[in-house]
C-alpha cells in the first residue's frame, strides 16, 4: 500500500496529498467540516495547521487525525 509522504491544506476544506508511488491529488473534506470532532476545523487556523503524523495520517494538534483510503495508518 502506498505511503502518504506529504500533506498540506488547499483551498476550502481540501487537503493536497503526495504518496510514495508518485500519486498526487486533493481530497475535499468539506462534507465533514462542522460535524462532530470536525467542528474543531471551524476554529481560525485549525484546518490549515494539518501535519503528517508519525503513523502516516493527516493530523491536527495530535488530537484529531484522519485515515484516508491510501494512507498507512496503524
Protein backbone atom coordinates (compact mmCIF):
# COMPACT_ATOMS: atom_id res chain seq x y z
CA UNK A 1 0.00 0.00 0.00
CA UNK A 2 1.41 3.41 -0.94
CA UNK A 3 2.65 5.54 1.95
CA UNK A 4 1.49 9.11 2.43
CA UNK A 5 4.59 11.34 2.32
CA UNK A 6 3.23 14.87 2.37
CA UNK A 7 0.02 16.68 3.26
CA UNK A 8 -0.85 20.36 3.18
CA UNK A 9 -4.03 22.43 3.19
CA UNK A 10 -5.52 23.51 -0.12
CA UNK A 11 -8.36 25.92 -0.96
CA UNK A 12 -11.53 25.41 1.04
CA UNK A 13 -11.58 22.29 3.16
CA UNK A 14 -9.29 20.34 0.85
CA UNK A 15 -6.02 18.57 1.51
CA UNK A 16 -3.24 18.20 -1.04
CA UNK A 17 -1.61 14.75 -0.74
CA UNK A 18 1.55 13.15 -2.13
CA UNK A 19 2.26 9.40 -1.87
CA UNK A 20 5.48 7.43 -2.32
CA UNK A 21 4.20 5.82 -5.55
CA UNK A 22 4.03 9.25 -7.22
CA UNK A 23 0.29 9.77 -6.77
CA UNK A 24 -0.57 13.42 -6.10
CA UNK A 25 -4.00 14.92 -5.65
CA UNK A 26 -6.55 16.65 -3.48
CA UNK A 27 -9.31 15.32 -1.28
CA UNK A 28 -12.32 17.50 -0.43
CA UNK A 29 -13.27 17.19 3.25
CA UNK A 30 -15.95 19.92 3.23
CA UNK A 31 -18.68 17.38 3.98
CA UNK A 32 -17.00 16.58 7.34
CA UNK A 33 -16.41 20.19 8.45
CA UNK A 34 -18.57 21.35 11.32
CA UNK A 35 -19.70 17.84 12.27
CA UNK A 36 -18.73 16.03 15.48
CA UNK A 37 -15.00 16.15 16.18
CA UNK A 38 -14.52 18.06 12.92
CA UNK A 39 -16.16 21.14 14.45
CA UNK A 40 -12.61 21.94 15.57
CA UNK A 41 -11.85 22.88 11.94
CA UNK A 42 -14.23 25.85 12.31
CA UNK A 43 -11.76 27.50 14.70
CA UNK A 44 -9.47 30.00 12.98
CA UNK A 45 -6.35 28.37 11.53
CA UNK A 46 -7.01 24.84 12.77
CA UNK A 47 -7.64 23.16 9.41
CA UNK A 48 -4.59 24.91 7.95
CA UNK A 49 -2.39 23.51 10.75
CA UNK A 50 -2.55 19.97 9.32
CA UNK A 51 0.62 17.90 9.62
CA UNK A 52 1.61 14.34 8.76
CA UNK A 53 1.56 12.17 11.90
CA UNK A 54 4.24 9.54 12.53
CA UNK A 55 1.74 6.77 11.69
CA UNK A 56 1.10 8.30 8.26
CA UNK A 57 -2.21 10.12 8.63
CA UNK A 58 -3.13 13.79 8.32
CA UNK A 59 -3.26 15.15 11.87
CA UNK A 60 -4.34 18.28 13.70
CA UNK A 61 -2.65 19.03 17.05
CA UNK A 62 -2.20 15.31 17.83
CA UNK A 63 -5.86 15.32 18.94
CA UNK A 64 -7.53 14.62 15.60
CA UNK A 65 -6.31 12.52 12.72
CA UNK A 66 -7.91 11.17 9.60
CA UNK A 67 -7.01 7.93 7.86
CA UNK A 68 -7.52 8.32 4.13
CA UNK A 69 -8.01 5.27 1.92
CA UNK A 70 -4.42 5.23 0.70
CA UNK A 71 -2.64 6.18 3.94
CA UNK A 72 -0.55 3.79 6.00
CA UNK A 73 -2.40 4.24 9.28
CA UNK A 74 -1.67 1.82 12.09
